[in-house]
C-alpha atoms as a PDB file:
ATOM      1  CA  MET A   1     100.906 127.435  -5.856  1.00  0.00           C
ATOM      2  CA  ALA A   2     101.400 124.378  -3.532  1.00  0.00           C
ATOM      3  CA  MET A   3      97.996 123.668  -1.382  1.00  0.00           C
ATOM      4  CA  ARG A   4      98.694 123.643   2.290  1.00  0.00           C
ATOM      5  CA  ILE A   5      96.692 121.422   4.354  1.00  0.00           C
ATOM      6  CA  ASN A   6      97.914 119.427   7.359  1.00  0.00           C
ATOM      7  CA  LYS A   7     100.214 115.928   7.730  1.00  0.00           C
ATOM      8  CA  LYS A   8      97.345 113.118   8.249  1.00  0.00           C
ATOM      9  CA  GLU A   9      95.223 114.659   4.774  1.00  0.00           C
ATOM     10  CA  SER A  10      98.698 114.993   3.067  1.00  0.00           C
ATOM     11  CA  ARG A  11      98.981 111.172   3.570  1.00  0.00           C
ATOM     12  CA  LEU A  12      95.766 110.425   2.155  1.00  0.00           C
ATOM     13  CA  LEU A  13      95.861 112.280  -0.653  1.00  0.00           C
ATOM     14  CA  ASN A  14      99.586 110.895  -1.716  1.00  0.00           C
ATOM     15  CA  GLU A  15      98.203 107.578  -0.758  1.00  0.00           C
ATOM     16  CA  ALA A  16      95.680 108.119  -3.007  1.00  0.00           C
ATOM     17  CA  ILE A  17      97.681 109.378  -5.874  1.00  0.00           C
ATOM     18  CA  GLU A  18      99.896 106.587  -5.457  1.00  0.00           C
ATOM     19  CA  ILE A  19      96.966 104.445  -6.004  1.00  0.00           C
ATOM     20  CA  TRP A  20      95.786 106.061  -9.080  1.00  0.00           C
ATOM     21  CA  GLU A  21      99.408 105.975 -10.770  1.00  0.00           C
ATOM     22  CA  ARG A  22      99.573 101.688  -9.993  1.00  0.00           C
ATOM     23  CA  ASP A  23      95.967 101.262 -11.285  1.00  0.00           C
ATOM     24  CA  ALA A  24      97.165 103.686 -14.380  1.00  0.00           C
ATOM     25  CA  LEU A  25      94.334 106.356 -13.638  1.00  0.00           C
ATOM     26  CA  ILE A  26      97.129 108.717 -14.242  1.00  0.00           C
ATOM     27  CA  ASP A  27     100.513 108.751 -15.708  1.00  0.00           C
ATOM     28  CA  GLN A  28     103.843 109.190 -13.530  1.00  0.00           C
ATOM     29  CA  PRO A  29     104.401 113.244 -14.671  1.00  0.00           C
ATOM     30  CA  THR A  30     101.032 113.916 -13.785  1.00  0.00           C
ATOM     31  CA  ALA A  31     101.644 112.079 -10.393  1.00  0.00           C
ATOM     32  CA  GLU A  32     104.607 113.642  -9.951  1.00  0.00           C
ATOM     33  CA  LYS A  33     103.166 117.401 -10.504  1.00  0.00           C
ATOM     34  CA  LEU A  34      99.889 116.492  -8.072  1.00  0.00           C
ATOM     35  CA  LYS A  35     102.420 115.370  -5.216  1.00  0.00           C
ATOM     36  CA  GLN A  36     104.027 118.986  -5.722  1.00  0.00           C
ATOM     37  CA  ARG A  37     101.107 121.031  -5.390  1.00  0.00           C
ATOM     38  CA  ILE A  38     100.444 119.273  -1.818  1.00  0.00           C
ATOM     39  CA  ALA A  39     102.380 121.393   1.241  1.00  0.00           C
ATOM     40  CA  SER A  40     101.848 119.648   4.188  1.00  0.00           C
ATOM     41  CA  TYR A  41     102.239 121.736   7.636  1.00  0.00           C
ATOM     42  CA  ARG A  42     101.708 120.467  11.498  1.00  0.00           C
ATOM     43  CA  ASN A  43      98.207 120.974  13.111  1.00  0.00           C
ATOM     44  CA  GLU A  44      99.790 122.076  16.629  1.00  0.00           C
ATOM     45  CA  PHE A  45      96.233 122.231  17.459  1.00  0.00           C
ATOM     46  CA  ASP A  46      94.931 118.639  17.130  1.00  0.00           C
ATOM     47  CA  ALA A  47      97.576 117.759  18.987  1.00  0.00           C
ATOM     48  CA  VAL A  48      96.725 120.293  21.491  1.00  0.00           C
ATOM     49  CA  ALA A  49      93.348 119.460  22.034  1.00  0.00           C
ATOM     50  CA  PHE A  50      93.961 115.582  22.009  1.00  0.00           C
ATOM     51  CA  TYR A  51      96.768 115.692  25.161  1.00  0.00           C
ATOM     52  CA  ALA A  52      94.233 117.918  26.706  1.00  0.00           C
ATOM     53  CA  SER A  53      91.552 115.912  26.266  1.00  0.00           C
ATOM     54  CA  ILE A  54      93.702 113.014  27.718  1.00  0.00           C
ATOM     55  CA  ALA A  55      94.613 114.977  30.836  1.00  0.00           C
ATOM     56  CA  ALA A  56      91.102 116.580  31.216  1.00  0.00           C
ATOM     57  CA  VAL A  57      89.692 112.736  31.208  1.00  0.00           C
ATOM     58  CA  SER A  58      92.520 111.488  33.655  1.00  0.00           C
ATOM     59  CA  CYS A  59      92.457 114.799  35.883  1.00  0.00           C
ATOM     60  CA  ALA A  60      88.576 114.330  36.476  1.00  0.00           C
ATOM     61  CA  LEU A  61      88.819 110.248  36.876  1.00  0.00           C
ATOM     62  CA  LEU A  62      91.277 111.194  39.354  1.00  0.00           C
ATOM     63  CA  ALA A  63      89.169 114.065  41.265  1.00  0.00           C
ATOM     64  CA  PHE A  64      85.888 112.286  41.030  1.00  0.00           C
ATOM     65  CA  GLY A  65      87.914 109.122  42.999  1.00  0.00           C
ATOM     66  CA  ALA A  66      89.450 111.293  45.524  1.00  0.00           C
ATOM     67  CA  LEU A  67      86.132 112.941  45.954  1.00  0.00           C
ATOM     68  CA  VAL A  68      83.014 110.537  45.343  1.00  0.00           C
ATOM     69  CA  LEU A  69      84.565 107.084  45.950  1.00  0.00           C
ATOM     70  CA  ASP A  70      86.400 107.999  49.155  1.00  0.00           C
ATOM     71  CA  GLU A  71      84.143 106.064  51.699  1.00  0.00           C
ATOM     72  CA  LYS A  72      85.260 108.638  54.421  1.00  0.00           C
ATOM     73  CA  TRP A  73      83.580 111.689  52.469  1.00  0.00           C
ATOM     74  CA  ILE A  74      80.371 109.952  51.757  1.00  0.00           C
ATOM     75  CA  GLU A  75      79.890 108.807  55.335  1.00  0.00           C
ATOM     76  CA  ARG A  76      80.699 112.179  56.389  1.00  0.00           C
ATOM     77  CA  LEU A  77      78.044 113.650  54.033  1.00  0.00           C
ATOM     78  CA  ARG A  78      75.469 111.055  55.325  1.00  0.00           C
ATOM     79  CA  LYS A  79      75.717 111.792  58.789  1.00  0.00           C
ATOM     80  CA  ILE A  80      75.490 115.596  58.847  1.00  0.00           C
ATOM     81  CA  PHE A  81      71.860 115.500  56.413  1.00  0.00           C
ATOM     82  CA  ALA A  82      71.184 112.117  57.736  1.00  0.00           C
ATOM     83  CA  PHE A  83      70.911 110.644  54.034  1.00  0.00           C
ATOM     84  CA  SER A  84      70.231 107.346  53.561  1.00  0.00           C
ATOM     85  CA  GLU A  85      71.877 105.361  50.619  1.00  0.00           C
ATOM     86  CA  PHE A  86      68.967 105.312  48.239  1.00  0.00           C
ATOM     87  CA  VAL A  87      69.606 109.289  48.797  1.00  0.00           C
ATOM     88  CA  ILE A  88      72.735 109.364  47.698  1.00  0.00           C
ATOM     89  CA  GLY A  89      72.038 107.249  44.596  1.00  0.00           C
ATOM     90  CA  PHE A  90      69.250 109.718  43.978  1.00  0.00           C
ATOM     91  CA  ILE A  91      71.476 112.737  43.718  1.00  0.00           C
ATOM     92  CA  PHE A  92      74.543 110.920  41.517  1.00  0.00           C
ATOM     93  CA  GLY A  93      71.590 110.158  39.318  1.00  0.00           C
ATOM     94  CA  ALA A  94      69.848 113.813  39.421  1.00  0.00           C
ATOM     95  CA  VAL A  95      73.958 114.966  38.818  1.00  0.00           C
ATOM     96  CA  ALA A  96      73.837 112.829  35.639  1.00  0.00           C
ATOM     97  CA  VAL A  97      70.749 113.968  34.573  1.00  0.00           C
ATOM     98  CA  PHE A  98      71.912 117.516  34.911  1.00  0.00           C
ATOM     99  CA  LEU A  99      74.876 116.777  33.283  1.00  0.00           C
ATOM    100  CA  VAL A 100      73.401 114.873  30.064  1.00  0.00           C
ATOM    101  CA  TRP A 101      71.141 118.170  29.645  1.00  0.00           C
ATOM    102  CA  ILE A 102      74.552 120.291  29.453  1.00  0.00           C
ATOM    103  CA  ALA A 103      76.381 117.873  27.232  1.00  0.00           C
ATOM    104  CA  LYS A 104      72.958 117.635  24.558  1.00  0.00           C
ATOM    105  CA  ARG A 105      72.864 121.477  24.806  1.00  0.00           C
ATOM    106  CA  ARG A 106      77.450 121.149  24.301  1.00  0.00           C
ATOM    107  CA  ILE A 107      76.402 119.296  21.467  1.00  0.00           C
ATOM    108  CA  LYS A 108      74.225 121.556  19.631  1.00  0.00           C
ATOM    109  CA  LYS A 109      76.652 124.912  20.647  1.00  0.00           C
ATOM    110  CA  PHE A 110      79.819 123.212  19.726  1.00  0.00           C
ATOM    111  CA  PRO A 111      79.595 120.362  17.549  1.00  0.00           C
ATOM    112  CA  TYR A 112      83.137 120.658  16.329  1.00  0.00           C
ATOM    113  CA  ALA A 113      84.633 120.575  19.839  1.00  0.00           C
ATOM    114  CA  ILE A 114      84.442 116.718  19.251  1.00  0.00           C
ATOM    115  CA  LEU A 115      87.488 115.676  21.962  1.00  0.00           C
ATOM    116  CA  ALA A 116      85.783 117.922  24.659  1.00  0.00           C
ATOM    117  CA  ASN A 117      82.754 117.161  24.094  1.00  0.00           C
ATOM    118  CA  GLU A 118      83.419 113.598  24.553  1.00  0.00           C
ATOM    119  CA  SER A 119      85.739 114.202  27.801  1.00  0.00           C
ATOM    120  CA  PHE A 120      82.691 115.722  29.258  1.00  0.00           C
ATOM    121  CA  THR A 121      80.796 112.764  29.055  1.00  0.00           C
ATOM    122  CA  ILE A 122      83.122 110.786  31.324  1.00  0.00           C
ATOM    123  CA  LEU A 123      81.667 112.781  34.642  1.00  0.00           C
ATOM    124  CA  ILE A 124      78.206 111.278  33.097  1.00  0.00           C
ATOM    125  CA  ALA A 125      79.441 107.710  33.556  1.00  0.00           C
ATOM    126  CA  LEU A 126      80.542 108.122  36.698  1.00  0.00           C
ATOM    127  CA  SER A 127      78.155 110.044  38.078  1.00  0.00           C
ATOM    128  CA  ALA A 128      75.185 106.854  36.781  1.00  0.00           C
ATOM    129  CA  GLY A 129      77.742 104.313  37.668  1.00  0.00           C
ATOM    130  CA  VAL A 130      77.756 105.825  41.697  1.00  0.00           C
ATOM    131  CA  SER A 131      74.048 106.111  41.758  1.00  0.00           C
ATOM    132  CA  VAL A 132      73.577 102.759  40.333  1.00  0.00           C
ATOM    133  CA  ALA A 133      75.752 101.077  42.571  1.00  0.00           C
ATOM    134  CA  TYR A 134      74.426 103.378  45.662  1.00  0.00           C
ATOM    135  CA  PHE A 135      70.893 101.675  44.709  1.00  0.00           C
ATOM    136  CA  THR A 136      72.254  98.468  44.757  1.00  0.00           C
ATOM    137  CA  LYS A 137      73.473  98.894  48.462  1.00  0.00           C
ATOM    138  CA  SER A 138      70.117 100.916  49.775  1.00  0.00           C
ATOM    139  CA  PHE A 139      68.615  97.410  48.767  1.00  0.00           C
ATOM    140  CA  ASN A 140      70.951  95.605  50.930  1.00  0.00           C
ATOM    141  CA  ALA A 141      72.031  93.157  47.781  1.00  0.00           C
ATOM    142  CA  ASP A 142      74.767  90.709  47.945  1.00  0.00           C
ATOM    143  CA  TYR A 143      76.887  89.272  45.595  1.00  0.00           C
ATOM    144  CA  HIS A 144      74.377  87.579  43.773  1.00  0.00           C
ATOM    145  CA  TYR A 145      73.133  90.927  42.299  1.00  0.00           C
ATOM    146  CA  TYR A 146      76.665  92.765  41.488  1.00  0.00           C
ATOM    147  CA  GLY A 147      76.006  91.493  37.689  1.00  0.00           C
ATOM    148  CA  LEU A 148      72.501  92.604  37.602  1.00  0.00           C
ATOM    149  CA  SER A 149      73.300  96.599  38.566  1.00  0.00           C
ATOM    150  CA  ILE A 150      76.274  96.241  36.252  1.00  0.00           C
ATOM    151  CA  PHE A 151      74.052  95.033  33.609  1.00  0.00           C
ATOM    152  CA  ILE A 152      71.622  97.553  34.100  1.00  0.00           C
ATOM    153  CA  THR A 153      74.696 100.546  34.302  1.00  0.00           C
ATOM    154  CA  ALA A 154      75.623  99.088  30.995  1.00  0.00           C
ATOM    155  CA  CYS A 155      71.933  99.678  29.594  1.00  0.00           C
ATOM    156  CA  ILE A 156      72.204 103.327  30.709  1.00  0.00           C
ATOM    157  CA  TYR A 157      75.749 103.774  29.339  1.00  0.00           C
ATOM    158  CA  GLY A 158      74.268 102.371  26.004  1.00  0.00           C
ATOM    159  CA  VAL A 159      70.969 104.546  25.822  1.00  0.00           C
ATOM    160  CA  LEU A 160      73.082 107.428  26.592  1.00  0.00           C
ATOM    161  CA  GLY A 161      75.793 107.117  24.158  1.00  0.00           C
ATOM    162  CA  PHE A 162      73.133 106.512  21.707  1.00  0.00           C
ATOM    163  CA  TYR A 163      71.476 109.898  22.829  1.00  0.00           C
ATOM    164  CA  LEU A 164      74.404 111.842  22.872  1.00  0.00           C
ATOM    165  CA  ASN A 165      76.169 110.232  19.961  1.00  0.00           C
ATOM    166  CA  SER A 166      79.201 109.273  22.346  1.00  0.00           C
ATOM    167  CA  ARG A 167      81.912 106.198  21.469  1.00  0.00           C
ATOM    168  CA  LEU A 168      82.943 107.060  24.573  1.00  0.00           C
ATOM    169  CA  LEU A 169      80.172 105.905  26.503  1.00  0.00           C
ATOM    170  CA  TRP A 170      79.482 103.232  23.853  1.00  0.00           C
ATOM    171  CA  THR A 171      82.878 101.943  25.019  1.00  0.00           C
ATOM    172  CA  CYS A 172      81.900 102.023  28.865  1.00  0.00           C
ATOM    173  CA  MET A 173      78.721 100.268  27.593  1.00  0.00           C
ATOM    174  CA  ILE A 174      80.713  97.614  26.444  1.00  0.00           C
ATOM    175  CA  LEU A 175      82.895  97.053  29.358  1.00  0.00           C
ATOM    176  CA  ALA A 176      80.471  97.026  31.275  1.00  0.00           C
ATOM    177  CA  LEU A 177      78.389  94.357  29.614  1.00  0.00           C
ATOM    178  CA  ILE A 178      81.783  92.364  29.796  1.00  0.00           C
ATOM    179  CA  SER A 179      81.780  92.532  33.873  1.00  0.00           C
ATOM    180  CA  SER A 180      78.242  92.081  33.942  1.00  0.00           C
ATOM    181  CA  TRP A 181      78.737  88.645  32.594  1.00  0.00           C
ATOM    182  CA  ALA A 182      82.101  87.663  34.465  1.00  0.00           C
ATOM    183  CA  THR A 183      80.532  88.727  38.031  1.00  0.00           C
ATOM    184  CA  GLN A 184      77.117  86.981  37.301  1.00  0.00           C
ATOM    185  CA  THR A 185      78.662  83.823  36.204  1.00  0.00           C
ATOM    186  CA  TYR A 186      80.545  83.602  39.134  1.00  0.00           C
ATOM    187  CA  ALA A 187      77.758  84.284  41.277  1.00  0.00           C
ATOM    188  CA  TRP A 188      75.771  81.654  39.590  1.00  0.00           C
ATOM    189  CA  SER A 189      78.565  79.141  39.198  1.00  0.00           C
ATOM    190  CA  ASP A 190      77.590  75.692  40.028  1.00  0.00           C
ATOM    191  CA  ASP A 191      80.205  74.298  41.927  1.00  0.00           C
ATOM    192  CA  ALA A 192      82.062  75.046  45.674  1.00  0.00           C
ATOM    193  CA  SER A 193      85.212  76.883  44.433  1.00  0.00           C
ATOM    194  CA  GLN A 194      83.007  78.951  41.818  1.00  0.00           C
ATOM    195  CA  SER A 195      85.320  78.293  38.958  1.00  0.00           C
ATOM    196  CA  TYR A 196      82.986  76.714  36.793  1.00  0.00           C
ATOM    197  CA  PHE A 197      79.395  77.661  34.974  1.00  0.00           C
ATOM    198  CA  LEU A 198      77.140  75.572  33.359  1.00  0.00           C
ATOM    199  CA  GLY A 199      80.523  73.432  32.778  1.00  0.00           C
ATOM    200  CA  MET A 200      82.305  76.367  31.920  1.00  0.00           C
ATOM    201  CA  ASN A 201      85.717  78.058  33.293  1.00  0.00           C
ATOM    202  CA  TYR A 202      86.281  82.229  33.007  1.00  0.00           C
ATOM    203  CA  PRO A 203      88.384  82.131  29.637  1.00  0.00           C
ATOM    204  CA  LEU A 204      85.773  79.141  28.421  1.00  0.00           C
ATOM    205  CA  ARG A 205      82.509  81.433  29.034  1.00  0.00           C
ATOM    206  CA  MET A 206      84.718  85.083  28.213  1.00  0.00           C
ATOM    207  CA  ALA A 207      85.078  83.479  24.788  1.00  0.00           C
ATOM    208  CA  LEU A 208      81.303  82.472  24.573  1.00  0.00           C
ATOM    209  CA  PHE A 209      80.856  85.938  25.175  1.00  0.00           C
ATOM    210  CA  GLY A 210      83.019  87.569  22.705  1.00  0.00           C
ATOM    211  CA  ALA A 211      81.341  85.229  20.246  1.00  0.00           C
ATOM    212  CA  VAL A 212      77.839  86.826  21.246  1.00  0.00           C
ATOM    213  CA  MET A 213      79.453  90.158  20.916  1.00  0.00           C
ATOM    214  CA  VAL A 214      80.815  89.811  17.799  1.00  0.00           C
ATOM    215  CA  ALA A 215      77.412  88.449  16.369  1.00  0.00           C
ATOM    216  CA  ALA A 216      75.488  91.519  18.211  1.00  0.00           C
ATOM    217  CA  ALA A 217      78.189  94.112  16.864  1.00  0.00           C
ATOM    218  CA  HIS A 218      77.578  92.322  13.461  1.00  0.00           C
ATOM    219  CA  PHE A 219      73.517  93.400  13.552  1.00  0.00           C
ATOM    220  CA  LEU A 220      74.458  96.844  14.458  1.00  0.00           C
ATOM    221  CA  GLN A 221      75.325  97.448  11.080  1.00  0.00           C
ATOM    222  CA  GLN A 222      72.166  96.426   9.754  1.00  0.00           C
ATOM    223  CA  TRP A 223      69.986  99.537  11.029  1.00  0.00           C
ATOM    224  CA  GLN A 224      71.065 102.972  10.141  1.00  0.00           C
ATOM    225  CA  ALA A 225      70.319 104.445  13.412  1.00  0.00           C
ATOM    226  CA  THR A 226      73.395 101.929  15.227  1.00  0.00           C
ATOM    227  CA  GLN A 227      75.860 102.409  12.185  1.00  0.00           C
ATOM    228  CA  LYS A 228      77.782 104.629  13.745  1.00  0.00           C
ATOM    229  CA  PHE A 229      79.058 102.696  16.593  1.00  0.00           C
ATOM    230  CA  TYR A 230      79.604  99.392  14.345  1.00  0.00           C
ATOM    231  CA  PRO A 231      83.246 100.092  13.586  1.00  0.00           C
ATOM    232  CA  LEU A 232      83.892  99.908  17.441  1.00  0.00           C
ATOM    233  CA  SER A 233      81.853  97.254  18.507  1.00  0.00           C
ATOM    234  CA  TRP A 234      82.970  95.194  15.949  1.00  0.00           C
ATOM    235  CA  TYR A 235      86.821  95.633  16.129  1.00  0.00           C
ATOM    236  CA  SER A 236      86.255  95.471  20.035  1.00  0.00           C
ATOM    237  CA  SER A 237      84.336  92.538  20.223  1.00  0.00           C
ATOM    238  CA  TRP A 238      86.502  90.547  18.216  1.00  0.00           C
ATOM    239  CA  LEU A 239      89.646  91.930  20.699  1.00  0.00           C
ATOM    240  CA  PHE A 240      87.811  90.287  23.535  1.00  0.00           C
ATOM    241  CA  LEU A 241      86.631  87.311  21.575  1.00  0.00           C
ATOM    242  CA  LEU A 242      90.400  86.437  20.386  1.00  0.00           C
ATOM    243  CA  LEU A 243      91.896  87.585  23.680  1.00  0.00           C
ATOM    244  CA  SER A 244      89.911  85.015  25.676  1.00  0.00           C
ATOM    245  CA  GLY A 245      90.325  82.229  23.255  1.00  0.00           C
ATOM    246  CA  LEU A 246      94.496  82.703  23.432  1.00  0.00           C
ATOM    247  CA  PHE A 247      93.814  82.326  27.580  1.00  0.00           C
ATOM    248  CA  LEU A 248      91.143  79.339  26.546  1.00  0.00           C
ATOM    249  CA  SER A 249      94.157  77.793  24.462  1.00  0.00           C
ATOM    250  CA  ALA A 250      96.383  78.019  27.133  1.00  0.00           C
ATOM    251  CA  SER A 251      94.054  76.929  30.134  1.00  0.00           C
ATOM    252  CA  GLY A 252      91.522  74.529  28.499  1.00  0.00           C
ATOM    253  CA  ASN A 253      88.622  74.415  30.456  1.00  0.00           C
ATOM    254  CA  LEU A 254      90.338  73.389  33.878  1.00  0.00           C
ATOM    255  CA  SER A 255      90.082  74.823  36.964  1.00  0.00           C
ATOM    256  CA  TYR A 256      93.856  76.501  38.347  1.00  0.00           C
ATOM    257  CA  ASP A 257      94.632  73.973  40.428  1.00  0.00           C
ATOM    258  CA  VAL A 258      93.698  71.140  37.864  1.00  0.00           C
ATOM    259  CA  TRP A 259      95.628  72.878  35.275  1.00  0.00           C
ATOM    260  CA  ALA A 260      99.016  73.560  37.319  1.00  0.00           C
ATOM    261  CA  ALA A 261      99.099  69.943  37.905  1.00  0.00           C
ATOM    262  CA  ILE A 262      99.373  68.959  34.473  1.00  0.00           C
ATOM    263  CA  LYS A 263     101.474  69.114  31.676  1.00  0.00           C
ATOM    264  CA  GLN A 264     100.442  71.760  28.743  1.00  0.00           C
ATOM    265  CA  GLY A 265     101.181  68.932  25.975  1.00  0.00           C
ATOM    266  CA  LYS A 266      97.754  67.261  27.751  1.00  0.00           C
ATOM    267  CA  LEU A 267      96.165  70.773  26.397  1.00  0.00           C
ATOM    268  CA  PHE A 268      97.372  70.582  22.725  1.00  0.00           C
ATOM    269  CA  VAL A 269      94.030  70.102  21.515  1.00  0.00           C
ATOM    270  CA  TRP A 270      93.252  73.897  22.639  1.00  0.00           C
ATOM    271  CA  ALA A 271      95.897  75.262  20.484  1.00  0.00           C
ATOM    272  CA  ILE A 272      95.166  73.645  17.344  1.00  0.00           C
ATOM    273  CA  ALA A 273      91.262  75.016  18.026  1.00  0.00           C
ATOM    274  CA  TYR A 274      92.507  78.253  18.182  1.00  0.00           C
ATOM    275  CA  THR A 275      94.800  78.385  16.066  1.00  0.00           C
ATOM    276  CA  LEU A 276      91.632  76.777  13.176  1.00  0.00           C
ATOM    277  CA  LEU A 277      90.411  80.259  14.531  1.00  0.00           C
ATOM    278  CA  LEU A 278      93.185  82.654  13.370  1.00  0.00           C
ATOM    279  CA  ILE A 279      93.214  81.075   9.640  1.00  0.00           C
ATOM    280  CA  ALA A 280      89.061  80.689   9.726  1.00  0.00           C
ATOM    281  CA  VAL A 281      89.172  84.668  10.775  1.00  0.00           C
ATOM    282  CA  LEU A 282      91.864  85.611   8.772  1.00  0.00           C
ATOM    283  CA  ILE A 283      90.616  84.755   5.350  1.00  0.00           C
ATOM    284  CA  TYR A 284      87.018  85.811   6.540  1.00  0.00           C
ATOM    285  CA  ALA A 285      88.627  89.113   6.903  1.00  0.00           C
ATOM    286  CA  ILE A 286      90.503  89.093   4.079  1.00  0.00           C
ATOM    287  CA  LYS A 287      87.669  87.856   1.495  1.00  0.00           C
ATOM    288  CA  GLN A 288      85.984  91.179   3.186  1.00  0.00           C
ATOM    289  CA  LYS A 289      88.722  93.545   2.722  1.00  0.00           C
ATOM    290  CA  ASP A 290      88.870  94.013   6.535  1.00  0.00           C
ATOM    291  CA  GLU A 291      92.486  95.637   6.984  1.00  0.00           C
ATOM    292  CA  THR A 292      92.060  96.259  10.875  1.00  0.00           C
ATOM    293  CA  LEU A 293      90.540  92.442  11.369  1.00  0.00           C
ATOM    294  CA  ARG A 294      93.354  91.543   9.532  1.00  0.00           C
ATOM    295  CA  ASP A 295      96.335  92.855  11.105  1.00  0.00           C
ATOM    296  CA  MET A 296      94.630  92.148  14.574  1.00  0.00           C
ATOM    297  CA  THR A 297      94.295  88.489  13.407  1.00  0.00           C
ATOM    298  CA  ILE A 298      97.790  88.537  12.527  1.00  0.00           C
ATOM    299  CA  VAL A 299      98.953  89.694  15.805  1.00  0.00           C
ATOM    300  CA  PHE A 300      97.409  87.364  17.252  1.00  0.00           C
ATOM    301  CA  PHE A 301      98.783  84.551  15.041  1.00  0.00           C
ATOM    302  CA  LEU A 302     101.972  85.873  16.797  1.00  0.00           C
ATOM    303  CA  LEU A 303     100.925  85.847  20.056  1.00  0.00           C
ATOM    304  CA  ASN A 304      99.437  82.237  19.701  1.00  0.00           C
ATOM    305  CA  ILE A 305     103.092  80.995  18.512  1.00  0.00           C
ATOM    306  CA  TYR A 306     104.727  83.257  21.207  1.00  0.00           C
ATOM    307  CA  THR A 307     102.393  81.630  23.632  1.00  0.00           C
ATOM    308  CA  ARG A 308     102.972  78.115  22.104  1.00  0.00           C
ATOM    309  CA  TYR A 309     107.210  78.533  22.434  1.00  0.00           C
ATOM    310  CA  PHE A 310     106.346  79.370  26.426  1.00  0.00           C
ATOM    311  CA  GLU A 311     104.279  76.223  27.298  1.00  0.00           C
ATOM    312  CA  TYR A 312     106.372  73.643  25.021  1.00  0.00           C
ATOM    313  CA  PHE A 313     110.129  75.051  24.450  1.00  0.00           C
ATOM    314  CA  TRP A 314     110.831  77.493  27.140  1.00  0.00           C
ATOM    315  CA  ASP A 315     112.899  75.362  29.341  1.00  0.00           C
ATOM    316  CA  ARG A 316     114.839  73.558  25.541  1.00  0.00           C
ATOM    317  CA  THR A 317     115.969  76.396  23.875  1.00  0.00           C
ATOM    318  CA  ASN A 318     118.681  79.233  24.211  1.00  0.00           C
ATOM    319  CA  LYS A 319     117.372  82.359  25.515  1.00  0.00           C
ATOM    320  CA  GLY A 320     119.353  84.248  23.396  1.00  0.00           C
ATOM    321  CA  LEU A 321     118.461  82.452  20.152  1.00  0.00           C
ATOM    322  CA  PHE A 322     114.862  82.883  20.789  1.00  0.00           C
ATOM    323  CA  PHE A 323     114.989  86.452  21.252  1.00  0.00           C
ATOM    324  CA  ALA A 324     117.390  87.278  18.320  1.00  0.00           C
ATOM    325  CA  LEU A 325     114.562  85.536  16.694  1.00  0.00           C
ATOM    326  CA  LEU A 326     111.389  87.264  17.931  1.00  0.00           C
ATOM    327  CA  ALA A 327     113.368  90.725  17.225  1.00  0.00           C
ATOM    328  CA  LEU A 328     114.062  89.013  13.386  1.00  0.00           C
ATOM    329  CA  SER A 329     109.951  88.361  13.109  1.00  0.00           C
ATOM    330  CA  PHE A 330     109.118  91.782  14.292  1.00  0.00           C
ATOM    331  CA  TRP A 331     111.630  93.748  11.969  1.00  0.00           C
ATOM    332  CA  LEU A 332     110.194  91.207   9.446  1.00  0.00           C
ATOM    333  CA  ILE A 333     106.628  91.956   9.991  1.00  0.00           C
ATOM    334  CA  GLY A 334     106.847  95.867  10.296  1.00  0.00           C
ATOM    335  CA  LYS A 335     109.012  95.977   6.847  1.00  0.00           C
ATOM    336  CA  LYS A 336     106.102  94.130   5.242  1.00  0.00           C
ATOM    337  CA  ALA A 337     103.414  96.540   6.853  1.00  0.00           C
ATOM    338  CA  GLU A 338     105.652  99.417   5.618  1.00  0.00           C
ATOM    339  CA  GLN A 339     105.671  98.414   2.141  1.00  0.00           C
ATOM    340  CA  LEU A 340     101.493  97.176   1.986  1.00  0.00           C
ATOM    341  CA  ARG A 341     101.151 100.703   3.169  1.00  0.00           C
ATOM    342  CA  LYS A 342     102.951 102.603   0.493  1.00  0.00           C
ATOM    343  CA  GLY A 343     102.208 100.154  -2.237  1.00  0.00           C
ATOM    344  CA  ALA A 344     105.938  99.341  -2.982  1.00  0.00           C
ATOM    345  CA  PRO A 345     106.643  95.874  -4.387  1.00  0.00           C
ATOM    346  CA  PRO A 346     108.031  93.419  -2.164  1.00  0.00           C
ATOM    347  CA  GLU A 347     112.096  93.222  -2.307  1.00  0.00           C
END
């Protein structure tokens, strides 16, 4: 009698059987018998739950934006009840606390409803963010303190994400930390155009912050309590670092006015440095058998190559030939990826 499981489980079992067969743990007839015993079905409820959660989050963002972020609505409320900005911040803070209490009860009562519970936390993130924003406005703080208020918001997201075991809130924390660094370094910029902070332009200081994030994510694996957030922090940090590095390789440590006035050939050193970084990360990923980081690095290798083409050869190459080579390269990558996924020998 065949075992009926969903498509994801069926794929995992078939891949495991192929690995066992390739490693000579089982012979081919046994592998075929095992595969015949697997009957997959499509779990429609998983898809419905996923798309319903996406719709719920989207509608919540739209509703929150229409009702709460509408300054006229807030000002009307303040005039009717004579609320100060501090009181508005306190109200939204209380709402956030109340939502945290509800979320904790939901997690205990419905531990299996992971998507629904995660979707609910978006309301907590929005309420907490508005609360901190109005508290900041109540102190008549100028832009020099905006980065600090975003950093406080990030800390709140981190604590709540840990308390509720919410990856969505943890993601909000990561995004808030990046925004805080970008905003605060702008306020601390040491030149008239506010392009440089400690002699670094935006791409360079973002790349530096990405390196700090990677180092911090690495330490999350050392503690049992934070290991559950390690994959999310690790790969999002690498994504931010590699993306910042790509922009840095194209701009160098130059302001926009200077960059626009020079030839891209003068930034060749930055392109070489970024390529060496990609090689080092790729070697590290292969040694650590980190397939996700390896694949991410390969994608950025391609982006690096195409960026260099646009910088140096766009005006000198036939556009049809370029896009034909582009299509061929993506086809070869897809073909190789499929072979690696199925464990098939290269042709």
